[in-house]
Amino acid sequence: MAKRFEDCANCKGMILGGGQRKGELRFCSVACQRFYHQPGFCDSCVSQTTPEQVAATYAFRGLFGTRLLGFGKHCESCNSIIKRRWICVVLPIFPFGEKYRILQLTRLRWQSRKVKYDPS
């Protein structure tokens, strides 16, 4: 008999719906699938960053607060991305602080490393 609900191979969370499949393994999200196959920052990303973590982000009811935003410069090896903290009042108002390389561990968890220098 087929199993109705399966656990994610990475985070062990319950997969509702189709999820992601790689061979016999099932994942709840693309982030879990990527992290399962590359668990951590690649050597190139480690060399371009420091171990300093980004400060916490918080948005009150999703409208006011801070968020990490960035949509480019995906690393092809570890799938991390460069993001920056933004102050948001409904929409992002302005960025503050340094840039960080963010690596999604699961849908709701991530790691970060501070970028040493980014000319853009």
C-alpha atoms as a PDB file:
ATOM      1  CA  MET A   1       0.000   0.000   0.000  1.00  0.00           C
ATOM      2  CA  ALA A   2       1.380   3.426  -0.960  1.00  0.00           C
ATOM      3  CA  LYS A   3       2.252   5.797   1.833  1.00  0.00           C
ATOM      4  CA  ARG A   4      -0.210   8.715   1.847  1.00  0.00           C
ATOM      5  CA  PHE A   5       2.105  11.215   3.525  1.00  0.00           C
ATOM      6  CA  GLU A   6       5.867  11.031   3.248  1.00  0.00           C
ATOM      7  CA  ASP A   7       8.652  12.743   5.175  1.00  0.00           C
ATOM      8  CA  CYS A   8      11.129  15.104   3.518  1.00  0.00           C
ATOM      9  CA  ALA A   9      14.557  13.480   3.109  1.00  0.00           C
ATOM     10  CA  ASN A  10      16.224  16.690   4.375  1.00  0.00           C
ATOM     11  CA  CYS A  11      14.116  18.287   7.133  1.00  0.00           C
ATOM     12  CA  LYS A  12      11.935  15.254   7.964  1.00  0.00           C
ATOM     13  CA  GLY A  13       8.821  17.448   7.670  1.00  0.00           C
ATOM     14  CA  MET A  14       5.628  16.008   6.235  1.00  0.00           C
ATOM     15  CA  ILE A  15       5.241  16.466   2.476  1.00  0.00           C
ATOM     16  CA  LEU A  16       1.795  17.654   1.495  1.00  0.00           C
ATOM     17  CA  GLY A  17       1.042  17.522  -2.206  1.00  0.00           C
ATOM     18  CA  GLY A  18       3.637  16.559  -4.759  1.00  0.00           C
ATOM     19  CA  GLY A  19       6.835  17.982  -3.295  1.00  0.00           C
ATOM     20  CA  GLN A  20      10.135  17.533  -5.149  1.00  0.00           C
ATOM     21  CA  ARG A  21      11.456  14.138  -6.242  1.00  0.00           C
ATOM     22  CA  LYS A  22      15.042  13.078  -6.955  1.00  0.00           C
ATOM     23  CA  GLY A  23      15.152   9.348  -7.646  1.00  0.00           C
ATOM     24  CA  GLU A  24      13.725   7.551  -4.627  1.00  0.00           C
ATOM     25  CA  LEU A  25      14.107  10.638  -2.397  1.00  0.00           C
ATOM     26  CA  ARG A  26      11.252  13.094  -1.793  1.00  0.00           C
ATOM     27  CA  PHE A  27      11.636  16.685  -0.585  1.00  0.00           C
ATOM     28  CA  CYS A  28       9.108  19.232   0.694  1.00  0.00           C
ATOM     29  CA  SER A  29      10.735  22.115  -1.218  1.00  0.00           C
ATOM     30  CA  VAL A  30      13.449  23.007  -3.703  1.00  0.00           C
ATOM     31  CA  ALA A  31      15.448  24.516  -0.805  1.00  0.00           C
ATOM     32  CA  CYS A  32      15.465  21.162   1.019  1.00  0.00           C
ATOM     33  CA  GLN A  33      16.429  19.307  -2.148  1.00  0.00           C
ATOM     34  CA  ARG A  34      19.344  21.650  -2.859  1.00  0.00           C
ATOM     35  CA  PHE A  35      20.640  21.623   0.725  1.00  0.00           C
ATOM     36  CA  TYR A  36      20.455  17.813   0.921  1.00  0.00           C
ATOM     37  CA  HIS A  37      22.824  17.545  -2.045  1.00  0.00           C
ATOM     38  CA  GLN A  38      25.148  20.462  -1.060  1.00  0.00           C
ATOM     39  CA  PRO A  39      24.991  20.827   2.763  1.00  0.00           C
ATOM     40  CA  GLY A  40      26.807  24.083   3.366  1.00  0.00           C
ATOM     41  CA  PHE A  41      28.559  26.902   1.583  1.00  0.00           C
ATOM     42  CA  CYS A  42      31.002  25.935  -1.164  1.00  0.00           C
ATOM     43  CA  ASP A  43      34.716  26.791  -0.814  1.00  0.00           C
ATOM     44  CA  SER A  44      34.376  29.757  -3.188  1.00  0.00           C
ATOM     45  CA  CYS A  45      31.578  31.354  -1.130  1.00  0.00           C
ATOM     46  CA  VAL A  46      33.459  30.722   2.129  1.00  0.00           C
ATOM     47  CA  SER A  47      36.540  32.479   0.730  1.00  0.00           C
ATOM     48  CA  GLN A  48      34.462  35.548  -0.291  1.00  0.00           C
ATOM     49  CA  THR A  49      32.770  35.907   3.104  1.00  0.00           C
ATOM     50  CA  THR A  50      33.410  36.094   6.838  1.00  0.00           C
ATOM     51  CA  PRO A  51      31.644  33.928   9.461  1.00  0.00           C
ATOM     52  CA  GLU A  52      29.690  36.957  10.737  1.00  0.00           C
ATOM     53  CA  GLN A  53      25.925  36.250  10.703  1.00  0.00           C
ATOM     54  CA  VAL A  54      23.210  38.695   9.671  1.00  0.00           C
ATOM     55  CA  ALA A  55      21.248  40.272  12.548  1.00  0.00           C
ATOM     56  CA  ALA A  56      17.697  39.079  13.059  1.00  0.00           C
ATOM     57  CA  THR A  57      14.919  40.265  10.791  1.00  0.00           C
ATOM     58  CA  TYR A  58      11.369  40.934  11.908  1.00  0.00           C
ATOM     59  CA  ALA A  59       8.225  42.135  10.187  1.00  0.00           C
ATOM     60  CA  PHE A  60       5.116  43.000  12.224  1.00  0.00           C
ATOM     61  CA  ARG A  61       2.189  41.301  10.456  1.00  0.00           C
ATOM     62  CA  GLY A  62       4.361  41.185   7.355  1.00  0.00           C
ATOM     63  CA  LEU A  63       4.013  44.948   6.843  1.00  0.00           C
ATOM     64  CA  PHE A  64       6.520  46.853   9.009  1.00  0.00           C
ATOM     65  CA  GLY A  65      10.048  45.815   9.945  1.00  0.00           C
ATOM     66  CA  THR A  66      13.102  44.373   8.250  1.00  0.00           C
ATOM     67  CA  ARG A  67      13.508  41.722   5.568  1.00  0.00           C
ATOM     68  CA  LEU A  68      16.307  40.098   3.622  1.00  0.00           C
ATOM     69  CA  LEU A  69      15.953  40.867  -0.066  1.00  0.00           C
ATOM     70  CA  GLY A  70      18.081  40.008  -3.067  1.00  0.00           C
ATOM     71  CA  PHE A  71      17.346  38.253  -6.312  1.00  0.00           C
ATOM     72  CA  GLY A  72      20.644  37.811  -8.142  1.00  0.00           C
ATOM     73  CA  LYS A  73      24.111  36.302  -7.929  1.00  0.00           C
ATOM     74  CA  HIS A  74      23.101  32.715  -7.193  1.00  0.00           C
ATOM     75  CA  CYS A  75      26.137  30.500  -6.623  1.00  0.00           C
ATOM     76  CA  GLU A  76      26.028  27.570  -9.043  1.00  0.00           C
ATOM     77  CA  SER A  77      27.817  25.252  -6.575  1.00  0.00           C
ATOM     78  CA  CYS A  78      25.965  25.730  -3.275  1.00  0.00           C
ATOM     79  CA  ASN A  79      22.885  27.714  -4.439  1.00  0.00           C
ATOM     80  CA  SER A  80      23.493  30.534  -1.946  1.00  0.00           C
ATOM     81  CA  ILE A  81      22.428  34.055  -2.873  1.00  0.00           C
ATOM     82  CA  ILE A  82      23.558  37.547  -1.882  1.00  0.00           C
ATOM     83  CA  LYS A  83      20.934  39.515   0.046  1.00  0.00           C
ATOM     84  CA  ARG A  84      20.779  42.696   2.116  1.00  0.00           C
ATOM     85  CA  ARG A  85      18.549  43.752   5.019  1.00  0.00           C
ATOM     86  CA  TRP A  86      15.896  46.292   4.075  1.00  0.00           C
ATOM     87  CA  ILE A  87      13.592  48.431   6.191  1.00  0.00           C
ATOM     88  CA  CYS A  88      10.050  47.818   4.993  1.00  0.00           C
ATOM     89  CA  VAL A  89       6.844  49.773   5.442  1.00  0.00           C
ATOM     90  CA  VAL A  90       4.515  47.675   3.303  1.00  0.00           C
ATOM     91  CA  LEU A  91       7.177  47.887   0.544  1.00  0.00           C
ATOM     92  CA  PRO A  92      10.978  47.959   0.911  1.00  0.00           C
ATOM     93  CA  ILE A  93      12.018  51.558   1.695  1.00  0.00           C
ATOM     94  CA  PHE A  94      15.812  51.456   1.862  1.00  0.00           C
ATOM     95  CA  PRO A  95      18.622  48.978   2.437  1.00  0.00           C
ATOM     96  CA  PHE A  96      20.893  49.134   5.443  1.00  0.00           C
ATOM     97  CA  GLY A  97      23.851  47.197   6.652  1.00  0.00           C
ATOM     98  CA  GLU A  98      26.167  44.937   4.753  1.00  0.00           C
ATOM     99  CA  LYS A  99      25.494  42.267   2.176  1.00  0.00           C
ATOM    100  CA  TYR A 100      25.269  38.623   3.211  1.00  0.00           C
ATOM    101  CA  ARG A 101      25.394  35.328   1.421  1.00  0.00           C
ATOM    102  CA  ILE A 102      22.287  33.355   2.394  1.00  0.00           C
ATOM    103  CA  LEU A 103      21.926  29.585   2.133  1.00  0.00           C
ATOM    104  CA  GLN A 104      18.455  28.092   2.540  1.00  0.00           C
ATOM    105  CA  LEU A 105      18.561  25.008   4.775  1.00  0.00           C
ATOM    106  CA  THR A 106      14.824  24.298   4.682  1.00  0.00           C
ATOM    107  CA  ARG A 107      11.748  26.320   3.751  1.00  0.00           C
ATOM    108  CA  LEU A 108      11.967  28.281   7.023  1.00  0.00           C
ATOM    109  CA  ARG A 109      15.651  28.079   8.045  1.00  0.00           C
ATOM    110  CA  TRP A 110      18.797  29.605   6.577  1.00  0.00           C
ATOM    111  CA  GLN A 111      22.487  30.281   7.277  1.00  0.00           C
ATOM    112  CA  SER A 112      24.347  33.465   6.451  1.00  0.00           C
ATOM    113  CA  ARG A 113      27.896  34.745   5.997  1.00  0.00           C
ATOM    114  CA  LYS A 114      28.909  38.422   5.610  1.00  0.00           C
ATOM    115  CA  VAL A 115      30.281  39.333   2.168  1.00  0.00           C
ATOM    116  CA  LYS A 116      33.840  40.730   2.459  1.00  0.00           C
ATOM    117  CA  TYR A 117      33.571  42.990  -0.556  1.00  0.00           C
ATOM    118  CA  ASP A 118      31.044  43.271  -3.364  1.00  0.00           C
ATOM    119  CA  PRO A 119      31.722  45.900  -6.054  1.00  0.00           C
ATOM    120  CA  SER A 120      28.058  46.075  -7.171  1.00  0.00           C
END
